[in-house]
Amino acid sequence: MRRLFRKGELVRSKIDGKVMEVLKYIKGKVVEVKWFDLYAKEVRTNKISEDKLSKAA
């Protein structure tokens, strides 16, 4: 399996446009990412499919 992103790389969500940081890969093409929530002022983590992400500029 070829991975598109590396740990620590910045990616952009195709769903809502948030810029996130890759934490690790989970089974198959699922990626665990983290981002900073401006409203709650805390770091959030989530698991997103690799095809819903693109490289951030």
N, C-alpha and C. Protein backbone atom coordinates (compact mmCIF):
# COMPACT_ATOMS: atom_id res chain seq x y z
N MET A 1 0.83 -1.18 0.00
CA MET A 1 0.00 0.00 0.00
C MET A 1 0.89 1.25 0.00
N ARG A 2 0.64 2.13 -0.93
CA ARG A 2 1.41 3.37 -1.03
C ARG A 2 0.67 4.48 -0.29
N ARG A 3 1.36 5.16 0.61
CA ARG A 3 0.74 6.22 1.38
C ARG A 3 0.99 7.56 0.71
N LEU A 4 -0.04 8.39 0.66
CA LEU A 4 0.07 9.69 0.01
C LEU A 4 0.68 10.74 0.93
N PHE A 5 0.49 10.60 2.23
CA PHE A 5 0.93 11.62 3.17
C PHE A 5 1.87 11.03 4.21
N ARG A 6 2.75 11.86 4.74
CA ARG A 6 3.66 11.42 5.80
C ARG A 6 3.24 12.03 7.13
N LYS A 7 3.73 11.45 8.20
CA LYS A 7 3.44 11.96 9.53
C LYS A 7 3.98 13.38 9.66
N GLY A 8 3.16 14.28 10.19
CA GLY A 8 3.56 15.66 10.37
C GLY A 8 3.27 16.57 9.19
N GLU A 9 2.81 16.01 8.07
CA GLU A 9 2.53 16.80 6.87
C GLU A 9 1.19 17.52 7.01
N LEU A 10 1.11 18.73 6.44
CA LEU A 10 -0.13 19.49 6.46
C LEU A 10 -0.98 19.10 5.26
N VAL A 11 -2.25 18.82 5.51
CA VAL A 11 -3.20 18.44 4.46
C VAL A 11 -4.45 19.30 4.59
N ARG A 12 -5.20 19.41 3.50
CA ARG A 12 -6.45 20.18 3.50
C ARG A 12 -7.61 19.22 3.28
N SER A 13 -8.66 19.40 4.05
CA SER A 13 -9.85 18.58 3.94
C SER A 13 -10.67 19.03 2.73
N LYS A 14 -11.08 18.08 1.90
CA LYS A 14 -11.94 18.40 0.75
C LYS A 14 -13.37 18.65 1.21
N ILE A 15 -13.72 18.24 2.41
CA ILE A 15 -15.08 18.37 2.92
C ILE A 15 -15.36 19.82 3.34
N ASP A 16 -14.52 20.38 4.22
CA ASP A 16 -14.78 21.71 4.75
C ASP A 16 -13.62 22.69 4.60
N GLY A 17 -12.50 22.26 4.02
CA GLY A 17 -11.39 23.16 3.75
C GLY A 17 -10.44 23.42 4.91
N LYS A 18 -10.59 22.71 6.02
CA LYS A 18 -9.70 22.90 7.16
C LYS A 18 -8.31 22.36 6.85
N VAL A 19 -7.29 23.06 7.37
CA VAL A 19 -5.92 22.57 7.26
C VAL A 19 -5.63 21.74 8.50
N MET A 20 -5.14 20.52 8.28
CA MET A 20 -4.92 19.58 9.37
C MET A 20 -3.51 19.01 9.29
N GLU A 21 -3.06 18.42 10.38
CA GLU A 21 -1.75 17.77 10.42
C GLU A 21 -1.96 16.27 10.55
N VAL A 22 -1.21 15.49 9.76
CA VAL A 22 -1.33 14.03 9.79
C VAL A 22 -0.62 13.50 11.04
N LEU A 23 -1.35 12.71 11.84
CA LEU A 23 -0.76 12.08 13.02
C LEU A 23 -0.25 10.69 12.70
N LYS A 24 -1.11 9.84 12.13
CA LYS A 24 -0.71 8.48 11.78
C LYS A 24 -1.74 7.85 10.87
N TYR A 25 -1.33 6.75 10.24
CA TYR A 25 -2.23 5.95 9.40
C TYR A 25 -2.85 4.86 10.26
N ILE A 26 -4.12 4.60 10.02
CA ILE A 26 -4.82 3.50 10.66
C ILE A 26 -5.24 2.57 9.52
N LYS A 27 -5.55 1.34 9.79
CA LYS A 27 -5.88 0.32 8.79
C LYS A 27 -6.31 0.87 7.43
N GLY A 28 -5.66 0.41 6.40
CA GLY A 28 -6.03 0.78 5.04
C GLY A 28 -5.75 2.22 4.73
N LYS A 29 -6.76 2.93 4.30
CA LYS A 29 -6.58 4.31 3.85
C LYS A 29 -7.19 5.32 4.81
N VAL A 30 -7.30 4.98 6.08
CA VAL A 30 -7.83 5.91 7.08
C VAL A 30 -6.67 6.61 7.76
N VAL A 31 -6.78 7.94 7.88
CA VAL A 31 -5.71 8.76 8.44
C VAL A 31 -6.23 9.47 9.68
N GLU A 32 -5.43 9.47 10.75
CA GLU A 32 -5.79 10.23 11.95
C GLU A 32 -5.14 11.60 11.82
N VAL A 33 -5.95 12.65 11.94
CA VAL A 33 -5.47 14.03 11.77
C VAL A 33 -5.83 14.87 12.99
N LYS A 34 -5.11 16.00 13.15
CA LYS A 34 -5.46 16.93 14.22
C LYS A 34 -5.51 18.33 13.64
N TRP A 35 -6.34 19.19 14.25
CA TRP A 35 -6.43 20.58 13.86
C TRP A 35 -6.82 21.40 15.08
N PHE A 36 -6.67 22.71 14.98
CA PHE A 36 -6.99 23.60 16.08
C PHE A 36 -8.37 24.20 15.86
N ASP A 37 -9.28 23.98 16.82
CA ASP A 37 -10.63 24.52 16.75
C ASP A 37 -10.61 25.93 17.32
N LEU A 38 -10.87 26.93 16.48
CA LEU A 38 -10.80 28.32 16.91
C LEU A 38 -11.90 28.70 17.90
N TYR A 39 -13.08 28.11 17.77
CA TYR A 39 -14.20 28.47 18.64
C TYR A 39 -14.01 27.91 20.05
N ALA A 40 -13.61 26.66 20.16
CA ALA A 40 -13.41 26.02 21.46
C ALA A 40 -11.99 26.26 21.99
N LYS A 41 -11.10 26.76 21.13
CA LYS A 41 -9.69 27.01 21.48
C LYS A 41 -9.01 25.77 22.04
N GLU A 42 -9.15 24.68 21.31
CA GLU A 42 -8.48 23.43 21.70
C GLU A 42 -8.15 22.61 20.46
N VAL A 43 -7.26 21.66 20.64
CA VAL A 43 -6.84 20.78 19.54
C VAL A 43 -7.81 19.61 19.45
N ARG A 44 -8.28 19.33 18.24
CA ARG A 44 -9.20 18.22 18.00
C ARG A 44 -8.50 17.17 17.15
N THR A 45 -8.89 15.92 17.32
CA THR A 45 -8.39 14.85 16.46
C THR A 45 -9.58 14.14 15.83
N ASN A 46 -9.35 13.56 14.66
CA ASN A 46 -10.40 12.86 13.94
C ASN A 46 -9.77 11.85 12.99
N LYS A 47 -10.55 10.89 12.56
CA LYS A 47 -10.12 9.90 11.58
C LYS A 47 -10.88 10.16 10.29
N ILE A 48 -10.13 10.36 9.19
CA ILE A 48 -10.72 10.69 7.90
C ILE A 48 -10.12 9.78 6.84
N SER A 49 -10.93 9.43 5.85
CA SER A 49 -10.45 8.62 4.73
C SER A 49 -9.44 9.41 3.91
N GLU A 50 -8.43 8.72 3.40
CA GLU A 50 -7.35 9.35 2.66
C GLU A 50 -7.84 10.08 1.40
N ASP A 51 -8.89 9.58 0.77
CA ASP A 51 -9.38 10.21 -0.46
C ASP A 51 -10.14 11.51 -0.23
N LYS A 52 -10.44 11.85 1.02
CA LYS A 52 -11.11 13.10 1.33
C LYS A 52 -10.11 14.19 1.72
N LEU A 53 -8.81 13.94 1.52
CA LEU A 53 -7.75 14.89 1.86
C LEU A 53 -6.92 15.22 0.62
N SER A 54 -6.34 16.42 0.61
CA SER A 54 -5.40 16.80 -0.43
C SER A 54 -4.24 17.54 0.23
N LYS A 55 -3.13 17.69 -0.48
CA LYS A 55 -1.97 18.37 0.10
C LYS A 55 -2.28 19.86 0.26
N ALA A 56 -1.88 20.42 1.39
CA ALA A 56 -2.08 21.85 1.64
C ALA A 56 -0.98 22.65 0.96
N ALA A 57 -1.33 23.82 0.49
CA ALA A 57 -0.35 24.68 -0.17
C ALA A 57 0.54 25.39 0.84
